Amino acid sequence: MNDKLATLLGLLLSDGSVFFDRSKKVYCIQFTNKVKELRNVFEDLMKECFGISKFSYNNCRNAVSVRVFSNKIARFLFTFSPTFRKLPCKSFPQCNEYSCIECSPVMDEDEIEWPPCVVPEEISNEKKFAIDFLRGFASGDGSVYFGKNYKVQIEFTCYQPILREQVATCLKAIGINSWTKKKGVFITSKSELLKFYNMVGFIPESIVCNRKSKWFGLPKNNVLGMALASLC
Protein backbone atom coordinates (compact mmCIF):
# COMPACT_ATOMS: atom_id res chain seq x y z
CA MET A 1 0.00 0.00 0.00
CA ASN A 2 1.11 3.56 -0.70
CA ASP A 3 -0.52 7.00 -0.87
CA LYS A 4 -1.23 6.82 -4.62
CA LEU A 5 -2.87 3.40 -4.40
CA ALA A 6 -4.93 4.45 -1.36
CA THR A 7 -6.27 7.48 -3.27
CA LEU A 8 -6.94 5.33 -6.34
CA LEU A 9 -8.93 2.85 -4.25
CA GLY A 10 -10.94 5.76 -2.86
CA LEU A 11 -11.85 6.84 -6.39
CA LEU A 12 -12.72 3.29 -7.44
CA LEU A 13 -14.90 2.63 -4.40
CA SER A 14 -16.81 5.86 -5.03
CA ASP A 15 -17.19 6.53 -8.76
CA GLY A 16 -15.34 3.49 -10.07
CA SER A 17 -15.96 -0.16 -10.86
CA VAL A 18 -14.13 -3.35 -11.80
CA PHE A 19 -16.15 -5.70 -13.98
CA PHE A 20 -15.78 -8.40 -16.61
CA ASP A 21 -16.46 -7.17 -20.13
CA ARG A 22 -18.04 -10.18 -21.82
CA SER A 23 -17.66 -8.77 -25.31
CA LYS A 24 -13.91 -8.30 -24.90
CA LYS A 25 -13.48 -11.28 -22.54
CA VAL A 26 -11.33 -9.25 -20.16
CA TYR A 27 -11.77 -7.27 -16.94
CA CYS A 28 -12.40 -3.54 -17.15
CA ILE A 29 -11.24 -1.03 -14.53
CA GLN A 30 -13.43 2.03 -14.93
CA PHE A 31 -13.82 5.50 -13.41
CA THR A 32 -16.89 7.55 -14.32
CA ASN A 33 -17.15 11.25 -13.56
CA LYS A 34 -18.37 14.50 -15.13
CA VAL A 35 -15.15 16.38 -14.43
CA LYS A 36 -12.41 15.90 -17.02
CA GLU A 37 -9.69 17.09 -14.64
CA LEU A 38 -10.69 14.50 -12.04
CA ARG A 39 -10.70 11.81 -14.72
CA ASN A 40 -7.18 12.96 -15.54
CA VAL A 41 -6.23 12.39 -11.90
CA PHE A 42 -7.50 8.82 -12.22
CA GLU A 43 -5.40 8.35 -15.35
CA ASP A 44 -2.31 9.74 -13.62
CA LEU A 45 -2.81 7.38 -10.67
CA MET A 46 -3.20 4.39 -13.00
CA LYS A 47 0.02 5.41 -14.75
CA GLU A 48 1.91 5.78 -11.45
CA CYS A 49 0.54 2.61 -9.85
CA PHE A 50 0.56 0.29 -12.88
CA GLY A 51 2.45 1.99 -15.70
CA ILE A 52 -0.71 2.29 -17.80
CA SER A 53 -0.50 4.68 -20.75
CA LYS A 54 -3.42 3.50 -22.90
CA PHE A 55 -6.98 4.40 -21.95
CA SER A 56 -10.33 4.11 -23.67
CA TYR A 57 -13.39 6.26 -23.12
CA ASN A 58 -17.12 5.69 -23.04
CA ASN A 59 -19.66 8.49 -23.11
CA CYS A 60 -22.41 7.94 -20.55
CA ARG A 61 -25.60 9.95 -20.23
CA ASN A 62 -24.20 12.61 -17.90
CA ALA A 63 -20.54 11.72 -17.61
CA VAL A 64 -17.57 10.02 -19.26
CA SER A 65 -15.98 6.72 -18.25
CA VAL A 66 -12.22 6.21 -18.40
CA ARG A 67 -11.43 2.53 -18.95
CA VAL A 68 -8.46 0.22 -18.67
CA PHE A 69 -8.71 -3.44 -19.72
CA SER A 70 -6.49 -5.79 -17.74
CA ASN A 71 -7.05 -9.10 -15.96
CA LYS A 72 -3.76 -8.67 -14.09
CA ILE A 73 -4.68 -5.28 -12.61
CA ALA A 74 -8.22 -6.45 -11.79
CA ARG A 75 -6.90 -9.48 -9.91
CA PHE A 76 -4.54 -7.22 -7.97
CA LEU A 77 -7.36 -4.82 -7.05
CA PHE A 78 -9.53 -7.73 -5.92
CA THR A 79 -6.92 -8.52 -3.24
CA PHE A 80 -8.06 -5.32 -1.50
CA SER A 81 -11.82 -5.69 -1.92
CA PRO A 82 -13.69 -8.78 -3.19
CA THR A 83 -15.83 -6.50 -5.36
CA PHE A 84 -16.08 -2.87 -6.40
CA ARG A 85 -19.80 -3.06 -7.16
CA LYS A 86 -21.88 -0.75 -4.94
CA LEU A 87 -25.33 -1.52 -6.38
CA PRO A 88 -27.63 -4.16 -4.86
CA CYS A 89 -27.02 -7.65 -6.25
CA LYS A 90 -30.38 -7.84 -8.02
CA SER A 91 -30.45 -4.32 -9.42
CA PHE A 92 -29.62 -3.57 -13.06
CA PRO A 93 -27.12 -4.55 -14.30
CA GLN A 94 -27.58 -7.70 -12.22
CA CYS A 95 -24.57 -9.29 -10.55
CA ASN A 96 -22.96 -12.19 -12.34
CA GLU A 97 -20.23 -14.63 -11.37
CA TYR A 98 -17.58 -12.12 -12.50
CA SER A 99 -18.73 -9.16 -10.39
CA CYS A 100 -17.18 -10.50 -7.19
CA ILE A 101 -14.29 -12.85 -6.56
CA GLU A 102 -16.39 -14.36 -3.79
CA CYS A 103 -20.17 -14.50 -3.82
CA SER A 104 -21.09 -13.71 -0.23
CA PRO A 105 -23.87 -11.10 -0.32
CA VAL A 106 -24.66 -9.00 2.73
CA MET A 107 -28.31 -8.47 3.57
CA ASP A 108 -29.43 -5.16 5.04
CA GLU A 109 -32.35 -4.49 7.38
CA ASP A 110 -34.72 -4.29 4.41
CA GLU A 111 -33.58 -7.75 3.25
CA ILE A 112 -31.80 -6.30 0.21
CA GLU A 113 -28.66 -8.19 -0.79
CA TRP A 114 -25.49 -6.23 -1.47
CA PRO A 115 -22.09 -7.25 -2.87
CA PRO A 116 -19.44 -7.39 -0.11
CA CYS A 117 -17.19 -4.46 -1.09
CA VAL A 118 -14.98 -3.24 1.75
CA VAL A 119 -12.39 -0.67 2.71
CA PRO A 120 -9.07 -2.59 2.79
CA GLU A 121 -7.57 -3.23 6.22
CA GLU A 122 -4.27 -1.77 5.00
CA ILE A 123 -6.14 1.53 4.77
CA SER A 124 -8.39 1.42 7.82
CA ASN A 125 -5.44 0.40 10.05
CA GLU A 126 -3.07 3.15 8.92
CA LYS A 127 -3.94 6.81 9.52
CA LYS A 128 -2.00 8.23 6.55
CA PHE A 129 -3.54 5.80 4.08
CA ALA A 130 -6.98 6.37 5.60
CA ILE A 131 -6.60 10.09 4.88
CA ASP A 132 -5.50 9.44 1.29
CA PHE A 133 -8.38 7.01 0.76
CA LEU A 134 -10.97 9.38 2.23
CA ARG A 135 -9.71 12.23 0.04
CA GLY A 136 -10.21 10.06 -3.04
CA PHE A 137 -13.60 8.76 -1.89
CA ALA A 138 -14.84 12.26 -0.99
CA SER A 139 -13.72 13.63 -4.34
CA GLY A 140 -15.86 11.05 -6.11
CA ASP A 141 -18.95 10.75 -3.91
CA GLY A 142 -18.58 13.64 -1.49
CA SER A 143 -20.59 16.87 -1.50
CA VAL A 144 -20.53 20.12 0.47
CA TYR A 145 -23.92 21.52 1.43
CA PHE A 146 -23.83 25.19 2.29
CA GLY A 147 -27.40 26.41 2.38
CA LYS A 148 -30.09 28.31 4.20
CA ASN A 149 -29.54 29.39 7.80
CA TYR A 150 -25.81 28.80 7.21
CA LYS A 151 -26.23 25.09 7.70
CA VAL A 152 -23.12 23.30 6.53
CA GLN A 153 -22.49 19.61 6.08
CA ILE A 154 -20.39 17.17 4.12
CA GLU A 155 -22.12 14.11 2.71
CA PHE A 156 -20.47 10.97 1.40
CA THR A 157 -23.20 9.38 -0.71
CA CYS A 158 -23.06 5.64 -0.03
CA TYR A 159 -25.98 3.22 0.04
CA GLN A 160 -23.82 0.09 0.33
CA PRO A 161 -24.15 -0.85 4.05
CA ILE A 162 -20.68 -2.31 4.68
CA LEU A 163 -18.86 0.43 2.83
CA ARG A 164 -20.93 3.13 4.50
CA GLU A 165 -20.03 1.93 8.01
CA GLN A 166 -16.38 1.44 7.09
CA VAL A 167 -16.07 4.94 5.69
CA ALA A 168 -17.42 6.22 9.02
CA THR A 169 -14.90 3.98 10.80
CA CYS A 170 -12.04 5.43 8.73
CA LEU A 171 -13.15 8.94 9.68
CA LYS A 172 -13.29 7.91 13.33
CA ALA A 173 -9.81 6.39 13.08
CA ILE A 174 -8.36 9.78 12.10
CA GLY A 175 -10.33 11.59 14.79
CA ILE A 176 -13.35 12.85 12.83
CA ASN A 177 -16.83 12.11 14.17
CA SER A 178 -19.62 11.48 11.67
CA TRP A 179 -23.04 9.89 11.56
CA THR A 180 -24.73 7.60 9.07
CA LYS A 181 -28.12 6.89 7.58
CA LYS A 182 -29.16 4.81 4.58
CA LYS A 183 -28.13 7.48 2.13
CA GLY A 184 -24.56 7.85 3.33
CA VAL A 185 -22.12 9.33 5.85
CA PHE A 186 -22.44 12.89 7.17
CA ILE A 187 -20.18 15.38 8.93
CA THR A 188 -22.11 18.30 10.40
CA SER A 189 -20.49 19.86 13.46
CA LYS A 190 -18.18 22.83 12.91
CA SER A 191 -15.27 21.24 14.76
CA GLU A 192 -15.45 18.03 12.71
CA LEU A 193 -15.88 19.93 9.43
CA LEU A 194 -12.76 21.94 10.28
CA LYS A 195 -10.83 18.74 10.99
CA PHE A 196 -11.88 17.35 7.62
CA TYR A 197 -10.88 20.57 5.85
CA ASN A 198 -7.45 20.64 7.50
CA MET A 199 -6.64 16.92 7.48
CA VAL A 200 -8.37 15.47 4.42
CA GLY A 201 -10.10 17.84 2.02
CA PHE A 202 -10.91 17.06 -1.58
CA ILE A 203 -8.60 16.45 -4.52
CA PRO A 204 -8.10 19.98 -5.95
CA GLU A 205 -9.62 18.94 -9.30
CA SER A 206 -12.89 17.91 -7.63
CA ILE A 207 -15.49 20.61 -8.36
CA VAL A 208 -19.20 21.19 -7.74
CA CYS A 209 -21.05 19.58 -10.68
CA ASN A 210 -24.65 20.41 -9.78
CA ARG A 211 -25.69 23.06 -12.31
CA LYS A 212 -28.47 24.19 -9.99
CA SER A 213 -25.95 25.11 -7.30
CA LYS A 214 -24.69 28.67 -7.11
CA TRP A 215 -21.30 27.11 -6.43
CA PHE A 216 -21.31 25.25 -9.75
CA GLY A 217 -17.80 24.94 -11.19
CA LEU A 218 -16.01 25.90 -7.99
CA PRO A 219 -13.54 23.51 -6.32
CA LYS A 220 -15.19 21.71 -3.42
CA ASN A 221 -12.31 22.76 -1.16
CA ASN A 222 -13.10 26.41 -1.87
CA VAL A 223 -16.79 25.93 -1.10
CA LEU A 224 -15.97 24.18 2.17
CA GLY A 225 -13.56 26.99 3.08
CA MET A 226 -16.24 29.63 2.46
CA ALA A 227 -18.76 27.58 4.41
CA LEU A 228 -16.46 27.32 7.40
CA ALA A 229 -15.75 31.07 7.26
CA SER A 230 -19.51 31.70 7.45
CA LEU A 231 -19.66 29.74 10.71
CA CYS A 232 -17.10 31.92 12.47
C-alpha atoms as a PDB file:
ATOM      1  CA  MET A   1       0.000   0.000   0.000  1.00  0.00           C
ATOM      2  CA  ASN A   2       1.111   3.560  -0.701  1.00  0.00           C
ATOM      3  CA  ASP A   3      -0.521   6.996  -0.869  1.00  0.00           C
ATOM      4  CA  LYS A   4      -1.228   6.818  -4.618  1.00  0.00           C
ATOM      5  CA  LEU A   5      -2.871   3.403  -4.398  1.00  0.00           C
ATOM      6  CA  ALA A   6      -4.928   4.450  -1.363  1.00  0.00           C
ATOM      7  CA  THR A   7      -6.267   7.478  -3.270  1.00  0.00           C
ATOM      8  CA  LEU A   8      -6.943   5.335  -6.342  1.00  0.00           C
ATOM      9  CA  LEU A   9      -8.933   2.847  -4.246  1.00  0.00           C
ATOM     10  CA  GLY A  10     -10.941   5.763  -2.857  1.00  0.00           C
ATOM     11  CA  LEU A  11     -11.853   6.840  -6.388  1.00  0.00           C
ATOM     12  CA  LEU A  12     -12.716   3.286  -7.445  1.00  0.00           C
ATOM     13  CA  LEU A  13     -14.902   2.627  -4.396  1.00  0.00           C
ATOM     14  CA  SER A  14     -16.807   5.856  -5.031  1.00  0.00           C
ATOM     15  CA  ASP A  15     -17.192   6.532  -8.763  1.00  0.00           C
ATOM     16  CA  GLY A  16     -15.345   3.489 -10.071  1.00  0.00           C
ATOM     17  CA  SER A  17     -15.959  -0.161 -10.858  1.00  0.00           C
ATOM     18  CA  VAL A  18     -14.128  -3.349 -11.804  1.00  0.00           C
ATOM     19  CA  PHE A  19     -16.154  -5.704 -13.979  1.00  0.00           C
ATOM     20  CA  PHE A  20     -15.784  -8.405 -16.606  1.00  0.00           C
ATOM     21  CA  ASP A  21     -16.461  -7.175 -20.130  1.00  0.00           C
ATOM     22  CA  ARG A  22     -18.037 -10.183 -21.816  1.00  0.00           C
ATOM     23  CA  SER A  23     -17.662  -8.769 -25.312  1.00  0.00           C
ATOM     24  CA  LYS A  24     -13.912  -8.299 -24.897  1.00  0.00           C
ATOM     25  CA  LYS A  25     -13.484 -11.284 -22.535  1.00  0.00           C
ATOM     26  CA  VAL A  26     -11.332  -9.247 -20.160  1.00  0.00           C
ATOM     27  CA  TYR A  27     -11.772  -7.274 -16.943  1.00  0.00           C
ATOM     28  CA  CYS A  28     -12.400  -3.541 -17.151  1.00  0.00           C
ATOM     29  CA  ILE A  29     -11.236  -1.028 -14.529  1.00  0.00           C
ATOM     30  CA  GLN A  30     -13.435   2.034 -14.930  1.00  0.00           C
ATOM     31  CA  PHE A  31     -13.824   5.496 -13.409  1.00  0.00           C
ATOM     32  CA  THR A  32     -16.893   7.555 -14.320  1.00  0.00           C
ATOM     33  CA  ASN A  33     -17.147  11.252 -13.558  1.00  0.00           C
ATOM     34  CA  LYS A  34     -18.375  14.496 -15.128  1.00  0.00           C
ATOM     35  CA  VAL A  35     -15.147  16.376 -14.432  1.00  0.00           C
ATOM     36  CA  LYS A  36     -12.406  15.900 -17.023  1.00  0.00           C
ATOM     37  CA  GLU A  37      -9.692  17.093 -14.644  1.00  0.00           C
ATOM     38  CA  LEU A  38     -10.692  14.501 -12.043  1.00  0.00           C
ATOM     39  CA  ARG A  39     -10.704  11.812 -14.720  1.00  0.00           C
ATOM     40  CA  ASN A  40      -7.185  12.964 -15.545  1.00  0.00           C
ATOM     41  CA  VAL A  41      -6.228  12.387 -11.899  1.00  0.00           C
ATOM     42  CA  PHE A  42      -7.502   8.817 -12.223  1.00  0.00           C
ATOM     43  CA  GLU A  43      -5.403   8.353 -15.353  1.00  0.00           C
ATOM     44  CA  ASP A  44      -2.306   9.740 -13.619  1.00  0.00           C
ATOM     45  CA  LEU A  45      -2.809   7.383 -10.668  1.00  0.00           C
ATOM     46  CA  MET A  46      -3.199   4.395 -13.004  1.00  0.00           C
ATOM     47  CA  LYS A  47       0.019   5.413 -14.746  1.00  0.00           C
ATOM     48  CA  GLU A  48       1.913   5.784 -11.447  1.00  0.00           C
ATOM     49  CA  CYS A  49       0.543   2.611  -9.855  1.00  0.00           C
ATOM     50  CA  PHE A  50       0.562   0.294 -12.878  1.00  0.00           C
ATOM     51  CA  GLY A  51       2.453   1.994 -15.697  1.00  0.00           C
ATOM     52  CA  ILE A  52      -0.710   2.292 -17.799  1.00  0.00           C
ATOM     53  CA  SER A  53      -0.503   4.680 -20.749  1.00  0.00           C
ATOM     54  CA  LYS A  54      -3.419   3.497 -22.897  1.00  0.00           C
ATOM     55  CA  PHE A  55      -6.977   4.395 -21.951  1.00  0.00           C
ATOM     56  CA  SER A  56     -10.328   4.110 -23.671  1.00  0.00           C
ATOM     57  CA  TYR A  57     -13.392   6.262 -23.119  1.00  0.00           C
ATOM     58  CA  ASN A  58     -17.116   5.692 -23.040  1.00  0.00           C
ATOM     59  CA  ASN A  59     -19.664   8.489 -23.110  1.00  0.00           C
ATOM     60  CA  CYS A  60     -22.411   7.941 -20.545  1.00  0.00           C
ATOM     61  CA  ARG A  61     -25.597   9.948 -20.232  1.00  0.00           C
ATOM     62  CA  ASN A  62     -24.203  12.606 -17.903  1.00  0.00           C
ATOM     63  CA  ALA A  63     -20.538  11.715 -17.607  1.00  0.00           C
ATOM     64  CA  VAL A  64     -17.571  10.016 -19.258  1.00  0.00           C
ATOM     65  CA  SER A  65     -15.981   6.721 -18.251  1.00  0.00           C
ATOM     66  CA  VAL A  66     -12.223   6.211 -18.402  1.00  0.00           C
ATOM     67  CA  ARG A  67     -11.431   2.532 -18.945  1.00  0.00           C
ATOM     68  CA  VAL A  68      -8.460   0.220 -18.668  1.00  0.00           C
ATOM     69  CA  PHE A  69      -8.714  -3.437 -19.717  1.00  0.00           C
ATOM     70  CA  SER A  70      -6.490  -5.789 -17.742  1.00  0.00           C
ATOM     71  CA  ASN A  71      -7.049  -9.097 -15.965  1.00  0.00           C
ATOM     72  CA  LYS A  72      -3.762  -8.672 -14.092  1.00  0.00           C
ATOM     73  CA  ILE A  73      -4.678  -5.282 -12.605  1.00  0.00           C
ATOM     74  CA  ALA A  74      -8.216  -6.451 -11.788  1.00  0.00           C
ATOM     75  CA  ARG A  75      -6.900  -9.482  -9.907  1.00  0.00           C
ATOM     76  CA  PHE A  76      -4.542  -7.224  -7.969  1.00  0.00           C
ATOM     77  CA  LEU A  77      -7.364  -4.818  -7.046  1.00  0.00           C
ATOM     78  CA  PHE A  78      -9.533  -7.732  -5.920  1.00  0.00           C
ATOM     79  CA  THR A  79      -6.921  -8.516  -3.243  1.00  0.00           C
ATOM     80  CA  PHE A  80      -8.057  -5.321  -1.498  1.00  0.00           C
ATOM     81  CA  SER A  81     -11.820  -5.691  -1.922  1.00  0.00           C
ATOM     82  CA  PRO A  82     -13.686  -8.781  -3.192  1.00  0.00           C
ATOM     83  CA  THR A  83     -15.828  -6.505  -5.361  1.00  0.00           C
ATOM     84  CA  PHE A  84     -16.081  -2.868  -6.402  1.00  0.00           C
ATOM     85  CA  ARG A  85     -19.796  -3.058  -7.163  1.00  0.00           C
ATOM     86  CA  LYS A  86     -21.882  -0.749  -4.944  1.00  0.00           C
ATOM     87  CA  LEU A  87     -25.334  -1.519  -6.377  1.00  0.00           C
ATOM     88  CA  PRO A  88     -27.634  -4.164  -4.864  1.00  0.00           C
ATOM     89  CA  CYS A  89     -27.025  -7.651  -6.248  1.00  0.00           C
ATOM     90  CA  LYS A  90     -30.383  -7.844  -8.018  1.00  0.00           C
ATOM     91  CA  SER A  91     -30.448  -4.317  -9.419  1.00  0.00           C
ATOM     92  CA  PHE A  92     -29.620  -3.575 -13.057  1.00  0.00           C
ATOM     93  CA  PRO A  93     -27.122  -4.548 -14.300  1.00  0.00           C
ATOM     94  CA  GLN A  94     -27.580  -7.705 -12.220  1.00  0.00           C
ATOM     95  CA  CYS A  95     -24.567  -9.289 -10.551  1.00  0.00           C
ATOM     96  CA  ASN A  96     -22.959 -12.193 -12.344  1.00  0.00           C
ATOM     97  CA  GLU A  97     -20.228 -14.629 -11.374  1.00  0.00           C
ATOM     98  CA  TYR A  98     -17.582 -12.122 -12.499  1.00  0.00           C
ATOM     99  CA  SER A  99     -18.733  -9.162 -10.387  1.00  0.00           C
ATOM    100  CA  CYS A 100     -17.182 -10.497  -7.186  1.00  0.00           C
ATOM    101  CA  ILE A 101     -14.292 -12.852  -6.562  1.00  0.00           C
ATOM    102  CA  GLU A 102     -16.394 -14.363  -3.788  1.00  0.00           C
ATOM    103  CA  CYS A 103     -20.172 -14.501  -3.815  1.00  0.00           C
ATOM    104  CA  SER A 104     -21.086 -13.707  -0.232  1.00  0.00           C
ATOM    105  CA  PRO A 105     -23.872 -11.097  -0.322  1.00  0.00           C
ATOM    106  CA  VAL A 106     -24.660  -9.000   2.731  1.00  0.00           C
ATOM    107  CA  MET A 107     -28.315  -8.465   3.570  1.00  0.00           C
ATOM    108  CA  ASP A 108     -29.434  -5.160   5.036  1.00  0.00           C
ATOM    109  CA  GLU A 109     -32.351  -4.492   7.383  1.00  0.00           C
ATOM    110  CA  ASP A 110     -34.721  -4.285   4.410  1.00  0.00           C
ATOM    111  CA  GLU A 111     -33.577  -7.749   3.251  1.00  0.00           C
ATOM    112  CA  ILE A 112     -31.805  -6.303   0.213  1.00  0.00           C
ATOM    113  CA  GLU A 113     -28.662  -8.190  -0.788  1.00  0.00           C
ATOM    114  CA  TRP A 114     -25.488  -6.225  -1.470  1.00  0.00           C
ATOM    115  CA  PRO A 115     -22.092  -7.249  -2.874  1.00  0.00           C
ATOM    116  CA  PRO A 116     -19.442  -7.385  -0.106  1.00  0.00           C
ATOM    117  CA  CYS A 117     -17.195  -4.456  -1.090  1.00  0.00           C
ATOM    118  CA  VAL A 118     -14.978  -3.241   1.751  1.00  0.00           C
ATOM    119  CA  VAL A 119     -12.386  -0.669   2.707  1.00  0.00           C
ATOM    120  CA  PRO A 120      -9.073  -2.589   2.787  1.00  0.00           C
ATOM    121  CA  GLU A 121      -7.568  -3.233   6.225  1.00  0.00           C
ATOM    122  CA  GLU A 122      -4.273  -1.774   5.005  1.00  0.00           C
ATOM    123  CA  ILE A 123      -6.135   1.531   4.771  1.00  0.00           C
ATOM    124  CA  SER A 124      -8.393   1.423   7.823  1.00  0.00           C
ATOM    125  CA  ASN A 125      -5.442   0.403  10.046  1.00  0.00           C
ATOM    126  CA  GLU A 126      -3.065   3.154   8.918  1.00  0.00           C
ATOM    127  CA  LYS A 127      -3.942   6.810   9.516  1.00  0.00           C
ATOM    128  CA  LYS A 128      -1.996   8.230   6.548  1.00  0.00           C
ATOM    129  CA  PHE A 129      -3.536   5.796   4.078  1.00  0.00           C
ATOM    130  CA  ALA A 130      -6.982   6.366   5.597  1.00  0.00           C
ATOM    131  CA  ILE A 131      -6.596  10.088   4.883  1.00  0.00           C
ATOM    132  CA  ASP A 132      -5.498   9.442   1.290  1.00  0.00           C
ATOM    133  CA  PHE A 133      -8.376   7.009   0.760  1.00  0.00           C
ATOM    134  CA  LEU A 134     -10.967   9.384   2.228  1.00  0.00           C
ATOM    135  CA  ARG A 135      -9.710  12.234   0.036  1.00  0.00           C
ATOM    136  CA  GLY A 136     -10.215  10.060  -3.038  1.00  0.00           C
ATOM    137  CA  PHE A 137     -13.596   8.758  -1.891  1.00  0.00           C
ATOM    138  CA  ALA A 138     -14.838  12.259  -0.991  1.00  0.00           C
ATOM    139  CA  SER A 139     -13.717  13.632  -4.344  1.00  0.00           C
ATOM    140  CA  GLY A 140     -15.856  11.049  -6.109  1.00  0.00           C
ATOM    141  CA  ASP A 141     -18.947  10.749  -3.915  1.00  0.00           C
ATOM    142  CA  GLY A 142     -18.579  13.642  -1.488  1.00  0.00           C
ATOM    143  CA  SER A 143     -20.588  16.871  -1.504  1.00  0.00           C
ATOM    144  CA  VAL A 144     -20.526  20.116   0.468  1.00  0.00           C
ATOM    145  CA  TYR A 145     -23.917  21.519   1.429  1.00  0.00           C
ATOM    146  CA  PHE A 146     -23.835  25.195   2.293  1.00  0.00           C
ATOM    147  CA  GLY A 147     -27.396  26.414   2.380  1.00  0.00           C
ATOM    148  CA  LYS A 148     -30.094  28.314   4.199  1.00  0.00           C
ATOM    149  CA  ASN A 149     -29.541  29.387   7.798  1.00  0.00           C
ATOM    150  CA  TYR A 150     -25.806  28.802   7.213  1.00  0.00           C
ATOM    151  CA  LYS A 151     -26.230  25.086   7.698  1.00  0.00           C
ATOM    152  CA  VAL A 152     -23.116  23.298   6.530  1.00  0.00           C
ATOM    153  CA  GLN A 153     -22.492  19.609   6.082  1.00  0.00           C
ATOM    154  CA  ILE A 154     -20.387  17.172   4.117  1.00  0.00           C
ATOM    155  CA  GLU A 155     -22.123  14.109   2.707  1.00  0.00           C
ATOM    156  CA  PHE A 156     -20.468  10.970   1.402  1.00  0.00           C
ATOM    157  CA  THR A 157     -23.198   9.379  -0.712  1.00  0.00           C
ATOM    158  CA  CYS A 158     -23.056   5.639  -0.028  1.00  0.00           C
ATOM    159  CA  TYR A 159     -25.981   3.216   0.044  1.00  0.00           C
ATOM    160  CA  GLN A 160     -23.821   0.087   0.335  1.00  0.00           C
ATOM    161  CA  PRO A 161     -24.150  -0.846   4.046  1.00  0.00           C
ATOM    162  CA  ILE A 162     -20.676  -2.309   4.684  1.00  0.00           C
ATOM    163  CA  LEU A 163     -18.856   0.435   2.825  1.00  0.00           C
ATOM    164  CA  ARG A 164     -20.929   3.135   4.503  1.00  0.00           C
ATOM    165  CA  GLU A 165     -20.027   1.925   8.013  1.00  0.00           C
ATOM    166  CA  GLN A 166     -16.384   1.436   7.093  1.00  0.00           C
ATOM    167  CA  VAL A 167     -16.069   4.943   5.692  1.00  0.00           C
ATOM    168  CA  ALA A 168     -17.418   6.215   9.016  1.00  0.00           C
ATOM    169  CA  THR A 169     -14.896   3.981  10.803  1.00  0.00           C
ATOM    170  CA  CYS A 170     -12.041   5.435   8.729  1.00  0.00           C
ATOM    171  CA  LEU A 171     -13.154   8.939   9.682  1.00  0.00           C
ATOM    172  CA  LYS A 172     -13.290   7.913  13.333  1.00  0.00           C
ATOM    173  CA  ALA A 173      -9.815   6.391  13.082  1.00  0.00           C
ATOM    174  CA  ILE A 174      -8.359   9.779  12.102  1.00  0.00           C
ATOM    175  CA  GLY A 175     -10.333  11.588  14.795  1.00  0.00           C
ATOM    176  CA  ILE A 176     -13.354  12.847  12.833  1.00  0.00           C
ATOM    177  CA  ASN A 177     -16.831  12.111  14.167  1.00  0.00           C
ATOM    178  CA  SER A 178     -19.619  11.479  11.671  1.00  0.00           C
ATOM    179  CA  TRP A 179     -23.043   9.888  11.555  1.00  0.00           C
ATOM    180  CA  THR A 180     -24.731   7.599   9.066  1.00  0.00           C
ATOM    181  CA  LYS A 181     -28.119   6.894   7.582  1.00  0.00           C
ATOM    182  CA  LYS A 182     -29.161   4.807   4.581  1.00  0.00           C
ATOM    183  CA  LYS A 183     -28.132   7.483   2.127  1.00  0.00           C
ATOM    184  CA  GLY A 184     -24.559   7.849   3.334  1.00  0.00           C
ATOM    185  CA  VAL A 185     -22.123   9.331   5.853  1.00  0.00           C
ATOM    186  CA  PHE A 186     -22.437  12.888   7.172  1.00  0.00           C
ATOM    187  CA  ILE A 187     -20.176  15.385   8.928  1.00  0.00           C
ATOM    188  CA  THR A 188     -22.109  18.297  10.400  1.00  0.00           C
ATOM    189  CA  SER A 189     -20.491  19.864  13.458  1.00  0.00           C
ATOM    190  CA  LYS A 190     -18.183  22.827  12.912  1.00  0.00           C
ATOM    191  CA  SER A 191     -15.273  21.238  14.758  1.00  0.00           C
ATOM    192  CA  GLU A 192     -15.449  18.028  12.714  1.00  0.00           C
ATOM    193  CA  LEU A 193     -15.881  19.930   9.433  1.00  0.00           C
ATOM    194  CA  LEU A 194     -12.762  21.936  10.282  1.00  0.00           C
ATOM    195  CA  LYS A 195     -10.830  18.740  10.989  1.00  0.00           C
ATOM    196  CA  PHE A 196     -11.884  17.345   7.620  1.00  0.00           C
ATOM    197  CA  TYR A 197     -10.883  20.568   5.853  1.00  0.00           C
ATOM    198  CA  ASN A 198      -7.446  20.644   7.501  1.00  0.00           C
ATOM    199  CA  MET A 199      -6.645  16.921   7.483  1.00  0.00           C
ATOM    200  CA  VAL A 200      -8.371  15.471   4.423  1.00  0.00           C
ATOM    201  CA  GLY A 201     -10.096  17.842   2.022  1.00  0.00           C
ATOM    202  CA  PHE A 202     -10.906  17.056  -1.583  1.00  0.00           C
ATOM    203  CA  ILE A 203      -8.601  16.446  -4.525  1.00  0.00           C
ATOM    204  CA  PRO A 204      -8.102  19.980  -5.954  1.00  0.00           C
ATOM    205  CA  GLU A 205      -9.616  18.941  -9.297  1.00  0.00           C
ATOM    206  CA  SER A 206     -12.890  17.912  -7.631  1.00  0.00           C
ATOM    207  CA  ILE A 207     -15.489  20.609  -8.355  1.00  0.00           C
ATOM    208  CA  VAL A 208     -19.198  21.186  -7.737  1.00  0.00           C
ATOM    209  CA  CYS A 209     -21.052  19.583 -10.681  1.00  0.00           C
ATOM    210  CA  ASN A 210     -24.651  20.413  -9.784  1.00  0.00           C
ATOM    211  CA  ARG A 211     -25.688  23.056 -12.312  1.00  0.00           C
ATOM    212  CA  LYS A 212     -28.474  24.190  -9.987  1.00  0.00           C
ATOM    213  CA  SER A 213     -25.951  25.109  -7.298  1.00  0.00           C
ATOM    214  CA  LYS A 214     -24.692  28.670  -7.114  1.00  0.00           C
ATOM    215  CA  TRP A 215     -21.299  27.111  -6.426  1.00  0.00           C
ATOM    216  CA  PHE A 216     -21.315  25.248  -9.755  1.00  0.00           C
ATOM    217  CA  GLY A 217     -17.804  24.937 -11.191  1.00  0.00           C
ATOM    218  CA  LEU A 218     -16.010  25.895  -7.986  1.00  0.00           C
ATOM    219  CA  PRO A 219     -13.545  23.511  -6.317  1.00  0.00           C
ATOM    220  CA  LYS A 220     -15.190  21.706  -3.416  1.00  0.00           C
ATOM    221  CA  ASN A 221     -12.310  22.756  -1.157  1.00  0.00           C
ATOM    222  CA  ASN A 222     -13.102  26.408  -1.873  1.00  0.00           C
ATOM    223  CA  VAL A 223     -16.793  25.927  -1.104  1.00  0.00           C
ATOM    224  CA  LEU A 224     -15.966  24.182   2.174  1.00  0.00           C
ATOM    225  CA  GLY A 225     -13.558  26.985   3.078  1.00  0.00           C
ATOM    226  CA  MET A 226     -16.241  29.627   2.460  1.00  0.00           C
ATOM    227  CA  ALA A 227     -18.762  27.575   4.411  1.00  0.00           C
ATOM    228  CA  LEU A 228     -16.455  27.320   7.397  1.00  0.00           C
ATOM    229  CA  ALA A 229     -15.752  31.070   7.257  1.00  0.00           C
ATOM    230  CA  SER A 230     -19.507  31.704   7.454  1.00  0.00           C
ATOM    231  CA  LEU A 231     -19.659  29.741  10.706  1.00  0.00           C
ATOM    232  CA  CYS A 232     -17.097  31.920  12.471  1.00  0.00           C
END
